[in-house]
């Protein structure tokens, strides 16, 4: 395809020259480049997110997962991790609330 040739050679020659030689418009070429599928930028972060969650025995929530990913040198924010957690259906576990164990207060009856 003409656009694929222009994309392959654009590191060596100007795009306008290549488009003129191949008899295509520059706007058509740039439209072609925007239509190409792009890799998921979150794919590697999703893998690390799932592994950190599994390593925590499914207990880590967003704050700890953000810290774990940042420790592995990923530039992530809390909103991005929240979105990925929702998409991956990951939920942190909270500690059980304090419930006092008292004796029967009516023991005089």
PDB file of N, CA and C in Angstrom:
ATOM      1  N   UNK A   1       0.845  -1.178   0.000  1.00  0.00           N
ATOM      2  CA  UNK A   1       0.000   0.000   0.000  1.00  0.00           C
ATOM      3  C   UNK A   1       0.889   1.239   0.000  1.00  0.00           C
ATOM      4  N   UNK A   2       0.421   2.274  -0.573  1.00  0.00           N
ATOM      5  CA  UNK A   2       1.200   3.507  -0.705  1.00  0.00           C
ATOM      6  C   UNK A   2       1.478   4.149   0.646  1.00  0.00           C
ATOM      7  N   UNK A   3       0.462   4.188   1.491  1.00  0.00           N
ATOM      8  CA  UNK A   3       0.643   4.815   2.799  1.00  0.00           C
ATOM      9  C   UNK A   3       1.659   4.049   3.640  1.00  0.00           C
ATOM     10  N   UNK A   4       1.665   2.724   3.550  1.00  0.00           N
ATOM     11  CA  UNK A   4       2.616   1.915   4.308  1.00  0.00           C
ATOM     12  C   UNK A   4       4.041   2.206   3.855  1.00  0.00           C
ATOM     13  N   UNK A   5       4.234   2.411   2.557  1.00  0.00           N
ATOM     14  CA  UNK A   5       5.557   2.757   2.044  1.00  0.00           C
ATOM     15  C   UNK A   5       5.999   4.115   2.579  1.00  0.00           C
ATOM     16  N   UNK A   6       5.102   5.070   2.576  1.00  0.00           N
ATOM     17  CA  UNK A   6       5.425   6.404   3.091  1.00  0.00           C
ATOM     18  C   UNK A   6       5.771   6.310   4.574  1.00  0.00           C
ATOM     19  N   UNK A   7       5.021   5.510   5.327  1.00  0.00           N
ATOM     20  CA  UNK A   7       5.288   5.360   6.754  1.00  0.00           C
ATOM     21  C   UNK A   7       6.646   4.713   6.995  1.00  0.00           C
ATOM     22  N   UNK A   8       7.020   3.757   6.153  1.00  0.00           N
ATOM     23  CA  UNK A   8       8.297   3.073   6.326  1.00  0.00           C
ATOM     24  C   UNK A   8       9.481   3.975   5.970  1.00  0.00           C
ATOM     25  N   UNK A   9       9.310   4.841   4.998  1.00  0.00           N
ATOM     26  CA  UNK A   9      10.426   5.655   4.512  1.00  0.00           C
ATOM     27  C   UNK A   9      10.471   7.064   5.095  1.00  0.00           C
ATOM     28  N   UNK A  10       9.547   7.407   5.960  1.00  0.00           N
ATOM     29  CA  UNK A  10       9.483   8.786   6.435  1.00  0.00           C
ATOM     30  C   UNK A  10      10.616   9.159   7.368  1.00  0.00           C
ATOM     31  N   UNK A  11      11.363   8.190   7.854  1.00  0.00           N
ATOM     32  CA  UNK A  11      12.533   8.512   8.676  1.00  0.00           C
ATOM     33  C   UNK A  11      13.695   9.004   7.813  1.00  0.00           C
ATOM     34  N   UNK A  12      13.687   8.666   6.532  1.00  0.00           N
ATOM     35  CA  UNK A  12      14.791   9.028   5.644  1.00  0.00           C
ATOM     36  C   UNK A  12      14.485  10.247   4.770  1.00  0.00           C
ATOM     37  N   UNK A  13      13.196  10.424   4.433  1.00  0.00           N
ATOM     38  CA  UNK A  13      12.795  11.503   3.530  1.00  0.00           C
ATOM     39  C   UNK A  13      11.628  12.272   4.139  1.00  0.00           C
ATOM     40  N   UNK A  14      11.444  13.518   3.735  1.00  0.00           N
ATOM     41  CA  UNK A  14      10.289  14.278   4.224  1.00  0.00           C
ATOM     42  C   UNK A  14       8.974  13.672   3.744  1.00  0.00           C
ATOM     43  N   UNK A  15       7.963  13.779   4.568  1.00  0.00           N
ATOM     44  CA  UNK A  15       6.659  13.194   4.246  1.00  0.00           C
ATOM     45  C   UNK A  15       6.064  13.849   3.005  1.00  0.00           C
ATOM     46  N   UNK A  16       6.236  15.146   2.862  1.00  0.00           N
ATOM     47  CA  UNK A  16       5.664  15.831   1.696  1.00  0.00           C
ATOM     48  C   UNK A  16       6.267  15.313   0.392  1.00  0.00           C
ATOM     49  N   UNK A  17       7.553  15.068   0.402  1.00  0.00           N
ATOM     50  CA  UNK A  17       8.213  14.556  -0.802  1.00  0.00           C
ATOM     51  C   UNK A  17       7.722  13.144  -1.111  1.00  0.00           C
ATOM     52  N   UNK A  18       7.667  12.307  -0.097  1.00  0.00           N
ATOM     53  CA  UNK A  18       7.190  10.936  -0.302  1.00  0.00           C
ATOM     54  C   UNK A  18       5.756  10.911  -0.805  1.00  0.00           C
ATOM     55  N   UNK A  19       4.910  11.754  -0.238  1.00  0.00           N
ATOM     56  CA  UNK A  19       3.514  11.791  -0.671  1.00  0.00           C
ATOM     57  C   UNK A  19       3.401  12.284  -2.113  1.00  0.00           C
ATOM     58  N   UNK A  20       4.226  13.231  -2.476  1.00  0.00           N
ATOM     59  CA  UNK A  20       4.194  13.734  -3.853  1.00  0.00           C
ATOM     60  C   UNK A  20       4.643  12.637  -4.828  1.00  0.00           C
ATOM     61  N   UNK A  21       5.691  11.899  -4.471  1.00  0.00           N
ATOM     62  CA  UNK A  21       6.198  10.827  -5.330  1.00  0.00           C
ATOM     63  C   UNK A  21       5.167   9.705  -5.454  1.00  0.00           C
ATOM     64  N   UNK A  22       4.520   9.358  -4.351  1.00  0.00           N
ATOM     65  CA  UNK A  22       3.541   8.265  -4.356  1.00  0.00           C
ATOM     66  C   UNK A  22       2.156   8.721  -4.814  1.00  0.00           C
ATOM     67  N   UNK A  23       2.004  10.010  -5.087  1.00  0.00           N
ATOM     68  CA  UNK A  23       0.756  10.596  -5.568  1.00  0.00           C
ATOM     69  C   UNK A  23      -0.406  10.390  -4.590  1.00  0.00           C
ATOM     70  N   UNK A  24      -0.124  10.691  -3.312  1.00  0.00           N
ATOM     71  CA  UNK A  24      -1.162  10.679  -2.274  1.00  0.00           C
ATOM     72  C   UNK A  24      -1.090  12.012  -1.543  1.00  0.00           C
ATOM     73  N   UNK A  25      -2.161  12.362  -0.883  1.00  0.00           N
ATOM     74  CA  UNK A  25      -2.174  13.624  -0.134  1.00  0.00           C
ATOM     75  C   UNK A  25      -1.553  13.422   1.238  1.00  0.00           C
ATOM     76  N   UNK A  26      -0.933  14.473   1.745  1.00  0.00           N
ATOM     77  CA  UNK A  26      -0.331  14.383   3.077  1.00  0.00           C
ATOM     78  C   UNK A  26      -1.398  14.235   4.151  1.00  0.00           C
ATOM     79  N   UNK A  27      -2.536  14.894   3.955  1.00  0.00           N
ATOM     80  CA  UNK A  27      -3.613  14.756   4.940  1.00  0.00           C
ATOM     81  C   UNK A  27      -4.155  13.327   4.944  1.00  0.00           C
ATOM     82  N   UNK A  28      -4.206  12.705   3.775  1.00  0.00           N
ATOM     83  CA  UNK A  28      -4.635  11.308   3.703  1.00  0.00           C
ATOM     84  C   UNK A  28      -3.656  10.389   4.418  1.00  0.00           C
ATOM     85  N   UNK A  29      -2.361  10.687   4.295  1.00  0.00           N
ATOM     86  CA  UNK A  29      -1.358   9.875   4.991  1.00  0.00           C
ATOM     87  C   UNK A  29      -1.498  10.017   6.499  1.00  0.00           C
ATOM     88  N   UNK A  30      -1.651  11.242   6.981  1.00  0.00           N
ATOM     89  CA  UNK A  30      -1.781  11.429   8.425  1.00  0.00           C
ATOM     90  C   UNK A  30      -3.089  10.833   8.952  1.00  0.00           C
ATOM     91  N   UNK A  31      -4.121  10.854   8.135  1.00  0.00           N
ATOM     92  CA  UNK A  31      -5.361  10.184   8.517  1.00  0.00           C
ATOM     93  C   UNK A  31      -5.130   8.683   8.628  1.00  0.00           C
ATOM     94  N   UNK A  32      -4.348   8.146   7.722  1.00  0.00           N
ATOM     95  CA  UNK A  32      -4.000   6.720   7.748  1.00  0.00           C
ATOM     96  C   UNK A  32      -3.246   6.381   9.032  1.00  0.00           C
ATOM     97  N   UNK A  33      -2.299   7.218   9.430  1.00  0.00           N
ATOM     98  CA  UNK A  33      -1.529   6.927  10.633  1.00  0.00           C
ATOM     99  C   UNK A  33      -2.400   6.963  11.891  1.00  0.00           C
ATOM    100  N   UNK A  34      -3.419   7.815  11.895  1.00  0.00           N
ATOM    101  CA  UNK A  34      -4.302   7.877  13.068  1.00  0.00           C
ATOM    102  C   UNK A  34      -5.287   6.718  13.115  1.00  0.00           C
ATOM    103  N   UNK A  35      -5.542   6.097  11.989  1.00  0.00           N
ATOM    104  CA  UNK A  35      -6.459   4.963  11.960  1.00  0.00           C
ATOM    105  C   UNK A  35      -5.802   3.657  12.363  1.00  0.00           C
ATOM    106  N   UNK A  36      -4.482   3.619  12.415  1.00  0.00           N
ATOM    107  CA  UNK A  36      -3.775   2.387  12.752  1.00  0.00           C
ATOM    108  C   UNK A  36      -4.006   2.041  14.218  1.00  0.00           C
ATOM    109  N   UNK A  37      -4.199   0.756  14.515  1.00  0.00           N
ATOM    110  CA  UNK A  37      -4.409   0.367  15.919  1.00  0.00           C
ATOM    111  C   UNK A  37      -3.149   0.603  16.736  1.00  0.00           C
ATOM    112  N   UNK A  38      -3.354   1.075  17.942  1.00  0.00           N
ATOM    113  CA  UNK A  38      -2.242   1.358  18.827  1.00  0.00           C
ATOM    114  C   UNK A  38      -2.233   0.340  19.964  1.00  0.00           C
ATOM    115  N   UNK A  39      -1.075   0.013  20.463  1.00  0.00           N
ATOM    116  CA  UNK A  39      -1.022  -0.932  21.587  1.00  0.00           C
ATOM    117  C   UNK A  39      -1.601  -0.299  22.850  1.00  0.00           C
ATOM    118  N   UNK A  40      -2.125  -1.137  23.721  1.00  0.00           N
ATOM    119  CA  UNK A  40      -2.709  -0.670  24.973  1.00  0.00           C
ATOM    120  C   UNK A  40      -1.594  -0.168  25.893  1.00  0.00           C
ATOM    121  N   UNK A  41      -1.594   1.123  26.238  1.00  0.00           N
ATOM    122  CA  UNK A  41      -0.508   1.632  27.092  1.00  0.00           C
ATOM    123  C   UNK A  41      -0.571   1.090  28.521  1.00  0.00           C
ATOM    124  N   UNK A  42      -1.724   0.562  28.925  1.00  0.00           N
ATOM    125  CA  UNK A  42      -1.881   0.061  30.284  1.00  0.00           C
ATOM    126  C   UNK A  42      -1.653  -1.446  30.392  1.00  0.00           C
ATOM    127  N   UNK A  43      -1.277  -2.111  29.319  1.00  0.00           N
ATOM    128  CA  UNK A  43      -1.172  -3.573  29.328  1.00  0.00           C
ATOM    129  C   UNK A  43      -0.148  -4.057  30.354  1.00  0.00           C
ATOM    130  N   UNK A  44       1.036  -3.481  30.355  1.00  0.00           N
ATOM    131  CA  UNK A  44       2.071  -3.916  31.294  1.00  0.00           C
ATOM    132  C   UNK A  44       1.695  -3.549  32.727  1.00  0.00           C
ATOM    133  N   UNK A  45       1.055  -2.400  32.899  1.00  0.00           N
ATOM    134  CA  UNK A  45       0.642  -1.988  34.249  1.00  0.00           C
ATOM    135  C   UNK A  45      -0.437  -2.924  34.775  1.00  0.00           C
ATOM    136  N   UNK A  46      -1.331  -3.379  33.902  1.00  0.00           N
ATOM    137  CA  UNK A  46      -2.364  -4.334  34.323  1.00  0.00           C
ATOM    138  C   UNK A  46      -1.741  -5.631  34.842  1.00  0.00           C
ATOM    139  N   UNK A  47      -0.706  -6.104  34.149  1.00  0.00           N
ATOM    140  CA  UNK A  47      -0.037  -7.338  34.568  1.00  0.00           C
ATOM    141  C   UNK A  47       0.597  -7.154  35.937  1.00  0.00           C
ATOM    142  N   UNK A  48       1.299  -6.047  36.125  1.00  0.00           N
ATOM    143  CA  UNK A  48       1.940  -5.777  37.417  1.00  0.00           C
ATOM    144  C   UNK A  48       0.911  -5.548  38.516  1.00  0.00           C
ATOM    145  N   UNK A  49      -0.212  -4.921  38.164  1.00  0.00           N
ATOM    146  CA  UNK A  49      -1.278  -4.680  39.135  1.00  0.00           C
ATOM    147  C   UNK A  49      -1.846  -6.000  39.634  1.00  0.00           C
ATOM    148  N   UNK A  50      -2.120  -6.915  38.694  1.00  0.00           N
ATOM    149  CA  UNK A  50      -2.651  -8.228  39.088  1.00  0.00           C
ATOM    150  C   UNK A  50      -1.649  -9.021  39.908  1.00  0.00           C
ATOM    151  N   UNK A  51      -0.364  -8.947  39.564  1.00  0.00           N
ATOM    152  CA  UNK A  51       0.635  -9.703  40.321  1.00  0.00           C
ATOM    153  C   UNK A  51       0.817  -9.126  41.724  1.00  0.00           C
ATOM    154  N   UNK A  52       0.797  -7.805  41.864  1.00  0.00           N
ATOM    155  CA  UNK A  52       0.908  -7.190  43.196  1.00  0.00           C
ATOM    156  C   UNK A  52      -0.318  -7.517  44.039  1.00  0.00           C
ATOM    157  N   UNK A  53      -1.475  -7.551  43.402  1.00  0.00           N
ATOM    158  CA  UNK A  53      -2.710  -7.889  44.119  1.00  0.00           C
ATOM    159  C   UNK A  53      -2.684  -9.347  44.573  1.00  0.00           C
ATOM    160  N   UNK A  54      -2.196 -10.229  43.714  1.00  0.00           N
ATOM    161  CA  UNK A  54      -2.110 -11.645  44.077  1.00  0.00           C
ATOM    162  C   UNK A  54      -1.060 -11.871  45.164  1.00  0.00           C
ATOM    163  N   UNK A  55       0.038 -11.131  45.096  1.00  0.00           N
ATOM    164  CA  UNK A  55       1.089 -11.277  46.103  1.00  0.00           C
ATOM    165  C   UNK A  55       0.617 -10.818  47.480  1.00  0.00           C
ATOM    166  N   UNK A  56      -0.339  -9.917  47.511  1.00  0.00           N
ATOM    167  CA  UNK A  56      -0.864  -9.432  48.787  1.00  0.00           C
ATOM    168  C   UNK A  56      -1.995 -10.316  49.313  1.00  0.00           C
ATOM    169  N   UNK A  57      -2.212 -11.455  48.673  1.00  0.00           N
ATOM    170  CA  UNK A  57      -3.311 -12.380  49.012  1.00  0.00           C
ATOM    171  C   UNK A  57      -4.660 -11.684  48.898  1.00  0.00           C
ATOM    172  N   UNK A  58      -4.784 -10.858  47.851  1.00  0.00           N
ATOM    173  CA  UNK A  58      -6.035 -10.171  47.494  1.00  0.00           C
ATOM    174  C   UNK A  58      -6.517  -9.224  48.593  1.00  0.00           C
ATOM    175  N   UNK A  59      -5.568  -8.576  49.276  1.00  0.00           N
ATOM    176  CA  UNK A  59      -5.949  -7.660  50.351  1.00  0.00           C
ATOM    177  C   UNK A  59      -5.650  -6.204  50.025  1.00  0.00           C
ATOM    178  N   UNK A  60      -4.667  -5.923  49.167  1.00  0.00           N
ATOM    179  CA  UNK A  60      -4.274  -4.545  48.901  1.00  0.00           C
ATOM    180  C   UNK A  60      -5.383  -3.776  48.202  1.00  0.00           C
ATOM    181  N   UNK A  61      -5.574  -2.553  48.636  1.00  0.00           N
ATOM    182  CA  UNK A  61      -6.488  -1.632  47.988  1.00  0.00           C
ATOM    183  C   UNK A  61      -5.705  -0.652  47.133  1.00  0.00           C
ATOM    184  N   UNK A  62      -6.365   0.408  46.712  1.00  0.00           N
ATOM    185  CA  UNK A  62      -5.740   1.361  45.807  1.00  0.00           C
ATOM    186  C   UNK A  62      -4.472   2.002  46.365  1.00  0.00           C
ATOM    187  N   UNK A  63      -4.447   2.518  47.596  1.00  0.00           N
ATOM    188  CA  UNK A  63      -3.234   3.188  48.059  1.00  0.00           C
ATOM    189  C   UNK A  63      -1.999   2.281  48.072  1.00  0.00           C
ATOM    190  N   UNK A  64      -2.169   1.061  48.530  1.00  0.00           N
ATOM    191  CA  UNK A  64      -1.026   0.150  48.584  1.00  0.00           C
ATOM    192  C   UNK A  64      -0.625  -0.322  47.196  1.00  0.00           C
ATOM    193  N   UNK A  65      -1.588  -0.496  46.300  1.00  0.00           N
ATOM    194  CA  UNK A  65      -1.253  -0.890  44.936  1.00  0.00           C
ATOM    195  C   UNK A  65      -0.509   0.231  44.211  1.00  0.00           C
ATOM    196  N   UNK A  66      -0.903   1.478  44.457  1.00  0.00           N
ATOM    197  CA  UNK A  66      -0.180   2.604  43.872  1.00  0.00           C
ATOM    198  C   UNK A  66       1.262   2.593  44.368  1.00  0.00           C
ATOM    199  N   UNK A  67       1.451   2.382  45.659  1.00  0.00           N
ATOM    200  CA  UNK A  67       2.802   2.354  46.228  1.00  0.00           C
ATOM    201  C   UNK A  67       3.613   1.193  45.655  1.00  0.00           C
ATOM    202  N   UNK A  68       2.972   0.041  45.487  1.00  0.00           N
ATOM    203  CA  UNK A  68       3.678  -1.125  44.942  1.00  0.00           C
ATOM    204  C   UNK A  68       4.096  -0.886  43.496  1.00  0.00           C
ATOM    205  N   UNK A  69       3.227  -0.272  42.697  1.00  0.00           N
ATOM    206  CA  UNK A  69       3.571   0.006  41.306  1.00  0.00           C
ATOM    207  C   UNK A  69       4.647   1.076  41.203  1.00  0.00           C
ATOM    208  N   UNK A  70       4.591   2.077  42.055  1.00  0.00           N
ATOM    209  CA  UNK A  70       5.624   3.117  42.038  1.00  0.00           C
ATOM    210  C   UNK A  70       6.968   2.557  42.481  1.00  0.00           C
ATOM    211  N   UNK A  71       6.948   1.590  43.380  1.00  0.00           N
ATOM    212  CA  UNK A  71       8.184   0.952  43.820  1.00  0.00           C
ATOM    213  C   UNK A  71       8.827   0.180  42.665  1.00  0.00           C
ATOM    214  N   UNK A  72       8.003  -0.294  41.740  1.00  0.00           N
ATOM    215  CA  UNK A  72       8.512  -0.995  40.555  1.00  0.00           C
ATOM    216  C   UNK A  72       8.781  -0.023  39.407  1.00  0.00           C
ATOM    217  N   UNK A  73       8.864   1.256  39.705  1.00  0.00           N
ATOM    218  CA  UNK A  73       9.232   2.320  38.753  1.00  0.00           C
ATOM    219  C   UNK A  73       8.189   2.582  37.676  1.00  0.00           C
ATOM    220  N   UNK A  74       6.916   2.401  37.983  1.00  0.00           N
ATOM    221  CA  UNK A  74       5.841   2.781  37.062  1.00  0.00           C
ATOM    222  C   UNK A  74       5.307   4.143  37.488  1.00  0.00           C
ATOM    223  N   UNK A  75       5.139   5.030  36.526  1.00  0.00           N
ATOM    224  CA  UNK A  75       4.600   6.353  36.809  1.00  0.00           C
ATOM    225  C   UNK A  75       3.078   6.273  36.739  1.00  0.00           C
ATOM    226  N   UNK A  76       2.442   6.038  37.871  1.00  0.00           N
ATOM    227  CA  UNK A  76       0.990   5.902  37.927  1.00  0.00           C
ATOM    228  C   UNK A  76       0.443   6.817  39.001  1.00  0.00           C
ATOM    229  N   UNK A  77      -0.788   7.246  38.806  1.00  0.00           N
ATOM    230  CA  UNK A  77      -1.495   8.032  39.792  1.00  0.00           C
ATOM    231  C   UNK A  77      -2.632   7.215  40.377  1.00  0.00           C
ATOM    232  N   UNK A  78      -3.233   7.744  41.412  1.00  0.00           N
ATOM    233  CA  UNK A  78      -4.282   6.987  42.089  1.00  0.00           C
ATOM    234  C   UNK A  78      -5.530   6.840  41.224  1.00  0.00           C
ATOM    235  N   UNK A  79      -5.815   7.820  40.379  1.00  0.00           N
ATOM    236  CA  UNK A  79      -7.002   7.718  39.530  1.00  0.00           C
ATOM    237  C   UNK A  79      -6.827   6.641  38.457  1.00  0.00           C
ATOM    238  N   UNK A  80      -5.629   6.547  37.924  1.00  0.00           N
ATOM    239  CA  UNK A  80      -5.372   5.522  36.912  1.00  0.00           C
ATOM    240  C   UNK A  80      -5.480   4.129  37.519  1.00  0.00           C
ATOM    241  N   UNK A  81      -4.915   3.956  38.719  1.00  0.00           N
ATOM    242  CA  UNK A  81      -4.991   2.660  39.382  1.00  0.00           C
ATOM    243  C   UNK A  81      -6.434   2.339  39.747  1.00  0.00           C
ATOM    244  N   UNK A  82      -7.207   3.335  40.159  1.00  0.00           N
ATOM    245  CA  UNK A  82      -8.621   3.102  40.465  1.00  0.00           C
ATOM    246  C   UNK A  82      -9.382   2.632  39.230  1.00  0.00           C
ATOM    247  N   UNK A  83      -9.118   3.274  38.111  1.00  0.00           N
ATOM    248  CA  UNK A  83      -9.788   2.886  36.863  1.00  0.00           C
ATOM    249  C   UNK A  83      -9.399   1.466  36.466  1.00  0.00           C
ATOM    250  N   UNK A  84      -8.121   1.145  36.560  1.00  0.00           N
ATOM    251  CA  UNK A  84      -7.677  -0.199  36.193  1.00  0.00           C
ATOM    252  C   UNK A  84      -8.228  -1.244  37.156  1.00  0.00           C
ATOM    253  N   UNK A  85      -8.331  -0.889  38.424  1.00  0.00           N
ATOM    254  CA  UNK A  85      -8.910  -1.825  39.393  1.00  0.00           C
ATOM    255  C   UNK A  85     -10.367  -2.100  39.066  1.00  0.00           C
ATOM    256  N   UNK A  86     -11.109  -1.079  38.672  1.00  0.00           N
ATOM    257  CA  UNK A  86     -12.505  -1.279  38.301  1.00  0.00           C
ATOM    258  C   UNK A  86     -12.612  -2.154  37.063  1.00  0.00           C
ATOM    259  N   UNK A  87     -11.746  -1.908  36.074  1.00  0.00           N
ATOM    260  CA  UNK A  87     -11.791  -2.698  34.851  1.00  0.00           C
ATOM    261  C   UNK A  87     -11.392  -4.149  35.095  1.00  0.00           C
ATOM    262  N   UNK A  88     -10.475  -4.383  36.029  1.00  0.00           N
ATOM    263  CA  UNK A  88     -10.021  -5.736  36.331  1.00  0.00           C
ATOM    264  C   UNK A  88     -10.848  -6.390  37.441  1.00  0.00           C
ATOM    265  N   UNK A  89     -11.802  -5.660  37.975  1.00  0.00           N
ATOM    266  CA  UNK A  89     -12.656  -6.136  39.083  1.00  0.00           C
ATOM    267  C   UNK A  89     -11.817  -6.559  40.296  1.00  0.00           C
ATOM    268  N   UNK A  90     -10.929  -5.655  40.699  1.00  0.00           N
ATOM    269  CA  UNK A  90     -10.073  -5.875  41.857  1.00  0.00           C
ATOM    270  C   UNK A  90     -10.581  -5.004  42.994  1.00  0.00           C
ATOM    271  N   UNK A  91     -10.756  -5.603  44.166  1.00  0.00           N
ATOM    272  CA  UNK A  91     -11.232  -4.880  45.337  1.00  0.00           C
ATOM    273  C   UNK A  91     -10.345  -5.239  46.521  1.00  0.00           C
ATOM    274  N   UNK A  92      -9.949  -4.226  47.269  1.00  0.00           N
ATOM    275  CA  UNK A  92      -9.176  -4.470  48.479  1.00  0.00           C
ATOM    276  C   UNK A  92     -10.087  -4.940  49.595  1.00  0.00           C
ATOM    277  N   UNK A  93      -9.492  -5.588  50.585  1.00  0.00           N
ATOM    278  CA  UNK A  93     -10.265  -6.066  51.728  1.00  0.00           C
ATOM    279  C   UNK A  93      -9.981  -5.187  52.925  1.00  0.00           C
ATOM    280  N   UNK A  94     -11.031  -4.808  53.621  1.00  0.00           N
ATOM    281  CA  UNK A  94     -10.886  -4.006  54.828  1.00  0.00           C
ATOM    282  C   UNK A  94     -10.795  -4.920  56.041  1.00  0.00           C
ATOM    283  N   UNK A  95     -10.119  -4.406  57.071  1.00  0.00           N
ATOM    284  CA  UNK A  95     -10.090  -5.170  58.305  1.00  0.00           C
ATOM    285  C   UNK A  95     -11.475  -5.137  58.924  1.00  0.00           C
ATOM    286  N   UNK A  96     -11.774  -6.184  59.653  1.00  0.00           N
ATOM    287  CA  UNK A  96     -13.058  -6.240  60.320  1.00  0.00           C
ATOM    288  C   UNK A  96     -13.097  -5.198  61.426  1.00  0.00           C
ATOM    289  N   UNK A  97     -14.214  -4.572  61.612  1.00  0.00           N
ATOM    290  CA  UNK A  97     -14.350  -3.563  62.644  1.00  0.00           C
ATOM    291  C   UNK A  97     -14.262  -4.157  64.040  1.00  0.00           C
ATOM    292  N   UNK A  98     -13.948  -3.320  65.006  1.00  0.00           N
ATOM    293  CA  UNK A  98     -13.829  -3.782  66.387  1.00  0.00           C
ATOM    294  C   UNK A  98     -15.206  -4.097  66.953  1.00  0.00           C
ATOM    295  N   UNK A  99     -15.318  -5.254  67.536  1.00  0.00           N
ATOM    296  CA  UNK A  99     -16.578  -5.658  68.154  1.00  0.00           C
ATOM    297  C   UNK A  99     -16.250  -6.142  69.562  1.00  0.00           C
ATOM    298  N   UNK A 100     -16.625  -5.371  70.557  1.00  0.00           N
ATOM    299  CA  UNK A 100     -16.242  -5.760  71.919  1.00  0.00           C
ATOM    300  C   UNK A 100     -16.948  -7.045  72.348  1.00  0.00           C
ATOM    301  N   UNK A 101     -16.216  -7.878  73.018  1.00  0.00           N
ATOM    302  CA  UNK A 101     -16.782  -9.123  73.547  1.00  0.00           C
ATOM    303  C   UNK A 101     -17.033  -8.903  75.036  1.00  0.00           C
ATOM    304  N   UNK A 102     -18.286  -8.713  75.401  1.00  0.00           N
ATOM    305  CA  UNK A 102     -18.632  -8.480  76.802  1.00  0.00           C
ATOM    306  C   UNK A 102     -19.480  -9.627  77.292  1.00  0.00           C
ATOM    307  N   UNK A 103     -19.557  -9.708  78.590  1.00  0.00           N
ATOM    308  CA  UNK A 103     -20.407 -10.718  79.182  1.00  0.00           C
ATOM    309  C   UNK A 103     -21.847 -10.243  79.200  1.00  0.00           C
ATOM    310  N   UNK A 104     -22.724 -11.105  79.579  1.00  0.00           N
ATOM    311  CA  UNK A 104     -24.137 -10.757  79.663  1.00  0.00           C
ATOM    312  C   UNK A 104     -24.330  -9.740  80.778  1.00  0.00           C
ATOM    313  N   UNK A 105     -24.838  -8.564  80.407  1.00  0.00           N
ATOM    314  CA  UNK A 105     -24.995  -7.511  81.418  1.00  0.00           C
ATOM    315  C   UNK A 105     -26.148  -7.784  82.361  1.00  0.00           C
ATOM    316  N   UNK A 106     -27.018  -8.716  82.060  1.00  0.00           N
ATOM    317  CA  UNK A 106     -28.152  -9.047  82.928  1.00  0.00           C
ATOM    318  C   UNK A 106     -27.844 -10.300  83.770  1.00  0.00           C
ATOM    319  N   UNK A 107     -26.638 -10.459  84.228  1.00  0.00           N
ATOM    320  CA  UNK A 107     -26.287 -11.685  84.947  1.00  0.00           C
ATOM    321  C   UNK A 107     -26.779 -11.688  86.382  1.00  0.00           C
ATOM    322  N   UNK A 108     -27.342 -10.562  86.857  1.00  0.00           N
ATOM    323  CA  UNK A 108     -27.900 -10.542  88.227  1.00  0.00           C
ATOM    324  C   UNK A 108     -29.296 -11.110  88.263  1.00  0.00           C
ATOM    325  N   UNK A 109     -29.938 -11.301  87.142  1.00  0.00           N
ATOM    326  CA  UNK A 109     -31.320 -11.785  87.145  1.00  0.00           C
ATOM    327  C   UNK A 109     -31.428 -13.262  87.255  1.00  0.00           C
TER     328      UNK A 109
END
